[in-house]
Amino acid sequence: MAQLQNIDSSDCEKCIMVVKDSLDVLNGRWKLPILVSLKFSSKRFKQISRDLNGVTDKMLSKELKDLEGNQLIKRTVYDTFPPTVEYALTEHGHSLDSVISALKDWGGIHRKKIIGK
């Protein structure tokens, strides 16, 4: 945090801009949970759906397309009958590992502070 204390107005605007860009890519209820679901292994659509518990197929499909468009996940279609489709994190997607880990740690601390559990 010390890095953010001594910045001027233009640096502040740049910082806000890149944070907003990041949030635009990761916005919504399901994108980060999808990335967490894929963090350790590739999965098929229904496996991701089961991990998220509550996401509709339509919403999951939309979010997967958004994540693929931002090169965070890769969709692989295998030549089987019926076709098998798997989703996996890309190298760029794995660049969020430390962000997700920090959010997990902060979320645990926040939950204890607010809920007491």
C-alpha atoms as a PDB file:
ATOM      1  CA  MET A   1       0.000   0.000   0.000  1.00  0.00           C
ATOM      2  CA  ALA A   2       2.949   2.333   0.500  1.00  0.00           C
ATOM      3  CA  GLN A   3       3.253   2.595  -3.285  1.00  0.00           C
ATOM      4  CA  LEU A   4      -0.192   4.223  -3.497  1.00  0.00           C
ATOM      5  CA  GLN A   5       0.409   6.849  -0.804  1.00  0.00           C
ATOM      6  CA  ASN A   6       2.793   9.092  -2.749  1.00  0.00           C
ATOM      7  CA  ILE A   7       1.136   9.309  -6.146  1.00  0.00           C
ATOM      8  CA  ASP A   8      -0.047  12.437  -7.927  1.00  0.00           C
ATOM      9  CA  SER A   9      -3.430  13.024  -9.529  1.00  0.00           C
ATOM     10  CA  SER A  10      -2.463  11.649 -12.963  1.00  0.00           C
ATOM     11  CA  ASP A  11      -1.031   8.497 -11.372  1.00  0.00           C
ATOM     12  CA  CYS A  12      -4.264   8.120  -9.398  1.00  0.00           C
ATOM     13  CA  GLU A  13      -6.309   8.393 -12.598  1.00  0.00           C
ATOM     14  CA  LYS A  14      -4.117   5.762 -14.303  1.00  0.00           C
ATOM     15  CA  CYS A  15      -4.474   3.471 -11.286  1.00  0.00           C
ATOM     16  CA  ILE A  16      -8.252   3.862 -11.306  1.00  0.00           C
ATOM     17  CA  MET A  17      -8.338   3.241 -15.070  1.00  0.00           C
ATOM     18  CA  VAL A  18      -6.453  -0.072 -14.900  1.00  0.00           C
ATOM     19  CA  VAL A  19      -8.470  -1.234 -11.885  1.00  0.00           C
ATOM     20  CA  LYS A  20     -11.670  -0.447 -13.801  1.00  0.00           C
ATOM     21  CA  ASP A  21     -10.305  -2.351 -16.818  1.00  0.00           C
ATOM     22  CA  SER A  22      -9.610  -5.346 -14.575  1.00  0.00           C
ATOM     23  CA  LEU A  23     -13.075  -5.206 -13.055  1.00  0.00           C
ATOM     24  CA  ASP A  24     -14.656  -4.958 -16.518  1.00  0.00           C
ATOM     25  CA  VAL A  25     -12.998  -8.261 -17.469  1.00  0.00           C
ATOM     26  CA  LEU A  26     -13.846 -10.015 -14.179  1.00  0.00           C
ATOM     27  CA  ASN A  27     -17.231  -8.439 -13.450  1.00  0.00           C
ATOM     28  CA  GLY A  28     -20.315 -10.403 -12.613  1.00  0.00           C
ATOM     29  CA  ARG A  29     -21.242 -13.055 -10.145  1.00  0.00           C
ATOM     30  CA  TRP A  30     -19.763 -16.059 -11.964  1.00  0.00           C
ATOM     31  CA  LYS A  31     -16.470 -15.189 -13.692  1.00  0.00           C
ATOM     32  CA  LEU A  32     -14.161 -15.519 -10.701  1.00  0.00           C
ATOM     33  CA  PRO A  33     -15.874 -18.698  -9.473  1.00  0.00           C
ATOM     34  CA  ILE A  34     -15.454 -20.172 -12.976  1.00  0.00           C
ATOM     35  CA  LEU A  35     -11.747 -19.337 -12.881  1.00  0.00           C
ATOM     36  CA  VAL A  36     -11.465 -20.948  -9.439  1.00  0.00           C
ATOM     37  CA  SER A  37     -13.253 -24.048 -10.749  1.00  0.00           C
ATOM     38  CA  LEU A  38     -10.702 -24.347 -13.559  1.00  0.00           C
ATOM     39  CA  LYS A  39      -7.662 -23.467 -11.438  1.00  0.00           C
ATOM     40  CA  PHE A  40      -6.507 -27.042 -10.869  1.00  0.00           C
ATOM     41  CA  SER A  41      -7.759 -28.934 -13.916  1.00  0.00           C
ATOM     42  CA  SER A  42      -9.675 -28.636 -17.157  1.00  0.00           C
ATOM     43  CA  LYS A  43     -13.372 -29.440 -16.952  1.00  0.00           C
ATOM     44  CA  ARG A  44     -16.422 -30.023 -19.072  1.00  0.00           C
ATOM     45  CA  PHE A  45     -19.410 -27.667 -19.050  1.00  0.00           C
ATOM     46  CA  LYS A  46     -21.544 -29.726 -16.652  1.00  0.00           C
ATOM     47  CA  GLN A  47     -18.625 -30.190 -14.239  1.00  0.00           C
ATOM     48  CA  ILE A  48     -18.202 -26.420 -14.022  1.00  0.00           C
ATOM     49  CA  SER A  49     -21.969 -26.013 -13.631  1.00  0.00           C
ATOM     50  CA  ARG A  50     -21.986 -28.460 -10.688  1.00  0.00           C
ATOM     51  CA  ASP A  51     -19.069 -26.629  -9.046  1.00  0.00           C
ATOM     52  CA  LEU A  52     -20.903 -23.304  -9.225  1.00  0.00           C
ATOM     53  CA  ASN A  53     -24.272 -24.548  -7.984  1.00  0.00           C
ATOM     54  CA  GLY A  54     -26.945 -22.108  -9.078  1.00  0.00           C
ATOM     55  CA  VAL A  55     -25.678 -20.775 -12.391  1.00  0.00           C
ATOM     56  CA  THR A  56     -27.995 -21.284 -15.361  1.00  0.00           C
ATOM     57  CA  ASP A  57     -26.665 -22.975 -18.494  1.00  0.00           C
ATOM     58  CA  LYS A  58     -27.335 -19.782 -20.469  1.00  0.00           C
ATOM     59  CA  MET A  59     -25.376 -17.618 -18.021  1.00  0.00           C
ATOM     60  CA  LEU A  60     -22.518 -20.122 -17.770  1.00  0.00           C
ATOM     61  CA  SER A  61     -22.268 -20.251 -21.550  1.00  0.00           C
ATOM     62  CA  LYS A  62     -22.165 -16.443 -21.758  1.00  0.00           C
ATOM     63  CA  GLU A  63     -19.521 -16.141 -19.041  1.00  0.00           C
ATOM     64  CA  LEU A  64     -17.355 -18.860 -20.616  1.00  0.00           C
ATOM     65  CA  LYS A  65     -17.499 -17.015 -23.954  1.00  0.00           C
ATOM     66  CA  ASP A  66     -16.503 -13.747 -22.249  1.00  0.00           C
ATOM     67  CA  LEU A  67     -13.593 -15.408 -20.464  1.00  0.00           C
ATOM     68  CA  GLU A  68     -12.491 -17.065 -23.711  1.00  0.00           C
ATOM     69  CA  GLY A  69     -12.703 -13.712 -25.515  1.00  0.00           C
ATOM     70  CA  ASN A  70     -10.396 -12.223 -22.888  1.00  0.00           C
ATOM     71  CA  GLN A  71      -7.998 -15.156 -23.367  1.00  0.00           C
ATOM     72  CA  LEU A  72      -8.361 -16.320 -19.758  1.00  0.00           C
ATOM     73  CA  ILE A  73      -9.695 -19.743 -20.706  1.00  0.00           C
ATOM     74  CA  LYS A  74      -9.356 -22.030 -23.705  1.00  0.00           C
ATOM     75  CA  ARG A  75     -12.174 -24.111 -25.154  1.00  0.00           C
ATOM     76  CA  THR A  76     -11.072 -27.394 -26.724  1.00  0.00           C
ATOM     77  CA  VAL A  77     -13.426 -29.518 -28.831  1.00  0.00           C
ATOM     78  CA  TYR A  78     -12.436 -33.168 -29.200  1.00  0.00           C
ATOM     79  CA  ASP A  79     -13.370 -35.233 -32.247  1.00  0.00           C
ATOM     80  CA  THR A  80     -15.662 -37.697 -30.493  1.00  0.00           C
ATOM     81  CA  PHE A  81     -19.288 -38.612 -30.845  1.00  0.00           C
ATOM     82  CA  PRO A  82     -20.942 -36.715 -29.368  1.00  0.00           C
ATOM     83  CA  PRO A  83     -18.253 -33.979 -29.377  1.00  0.00           C
ATOM     84  CA  THR A  84     -16.442 -33.522 -26.085  1.00  0.00           C
ATOM     85  CA  VAL A  85     -15.731 -29.934 -25.046  1.00  0.00           C
ATOM     86  CA  GLU A  86     -13.319 -29.016 -22.263  1.00  0.00           C
ATOM     87  CA  TYR A  87     -12.423 -25.685 -20.750  1.00  0.00           C
ATOM     88  CA  ALA A  88      -9.050 -24.884 -19.202  1.00  0.00           C
ATOM     89  CA  LEU A  89      -7.214 -21.858 -17.908  1.00  0.00           C
ATOM     90  CA  THR A  90      -4.719 -20.323 -20.289  1.00  0.00           C
ATOM     91  CA  GLU A  91      -1.321 -19.083 -19.156  1.00  0.00           C
ATOM     92  CA  HIS A  92      -2.904 -15.617 -19.059  1.00  0.00           C
ATOM     93  CA  GLY A  93      -5.711 -17.045 -16.907  1.00  0.00           C
ATOM     94  CA  HIS A  94      -3.150 -18.492 -14.501  1.00  0.00           C
ATOM     95  CA  SER A  95      -1.694 -14.979 -14.125  1.00  0.00           C
ATOM     96  CA  LEU A  96      -4.724 -14.368 -11.872  1.00  0.00           C
ATOM     97  CA  ASP A  97      -3.687 -17.105  -9.404  1.00  0.00           C
ATOM     98  CA  SER A  98      -2.185 -14.617  -6.924  1.00  0.00           C
ATOM     99  CA  VAL A  99      -5.225 -12.314  -7.253  1.00  0.00           C
ATOM    100  CA  ILE A 100      -7.605 -15.197  -6.559  1.00  0.00           C
ATOM    101  CA  SER A 101      -5.462 -16.352  -3.638  1.00  0.00           C
ATOM    102  CA  ALA A 102      -5.447 -12.829  -2.175  1.00  0.00           C
ATOM    103  CA  LEU A 103      -9.238 -12.592  -2.574  1.00  0.00           C
ATOM    104  CA  LYS A 104      -9.651 -15.975  -0.859  1.00  0.00           C
ATOM    105  CA  ASP A 105      -7.471 -14.865   2.062  1.00  0.00           C
ATOM    106  CA  TRP A 106      -9.209 -11.494   2.374  1.00  0.00           C
ATOM    107  CA  GLY A 107     -12.636 -13.131   2.091  1.00  0.00           C
ATOM    108  CA  GLY A 108     -11.840 -15.446   5.011  1.00  0.00           C
ATOM    109  CA  ILE A 109     -10.705 -12.514   7.159  1.00  0.00           C
ATOM    110  CA  HIS A 110     -13.729 -10.434   6.146  1.00  0.00           C
ATOM    111  CA  ARG A 111     -16.145 -13.277   6.855  1.00  0.00           C
ATOM    112  CA  LYS A 112     -14.714 -13.693  10.378  1.00  0.00           C
ATOM    113  CA  LYS A 113     -14.899  -9.961  11.040  1.00  0.00           C
ATOM    114  CA  ILE A 114     -18.431  -9.467   9.756  1.00  0.00           C
ATOM    115  CA  ILE A 115     -20.139 -12.799  10.416  1.00  0.00           C
ATOM    116  CA  GLY A 116     -17.862 -14.224  13.070  1.00  0.00           C
ATOM    117  CA  LYS A 117     -17.478 -17.565  11.238  1.00  0.00           C
END
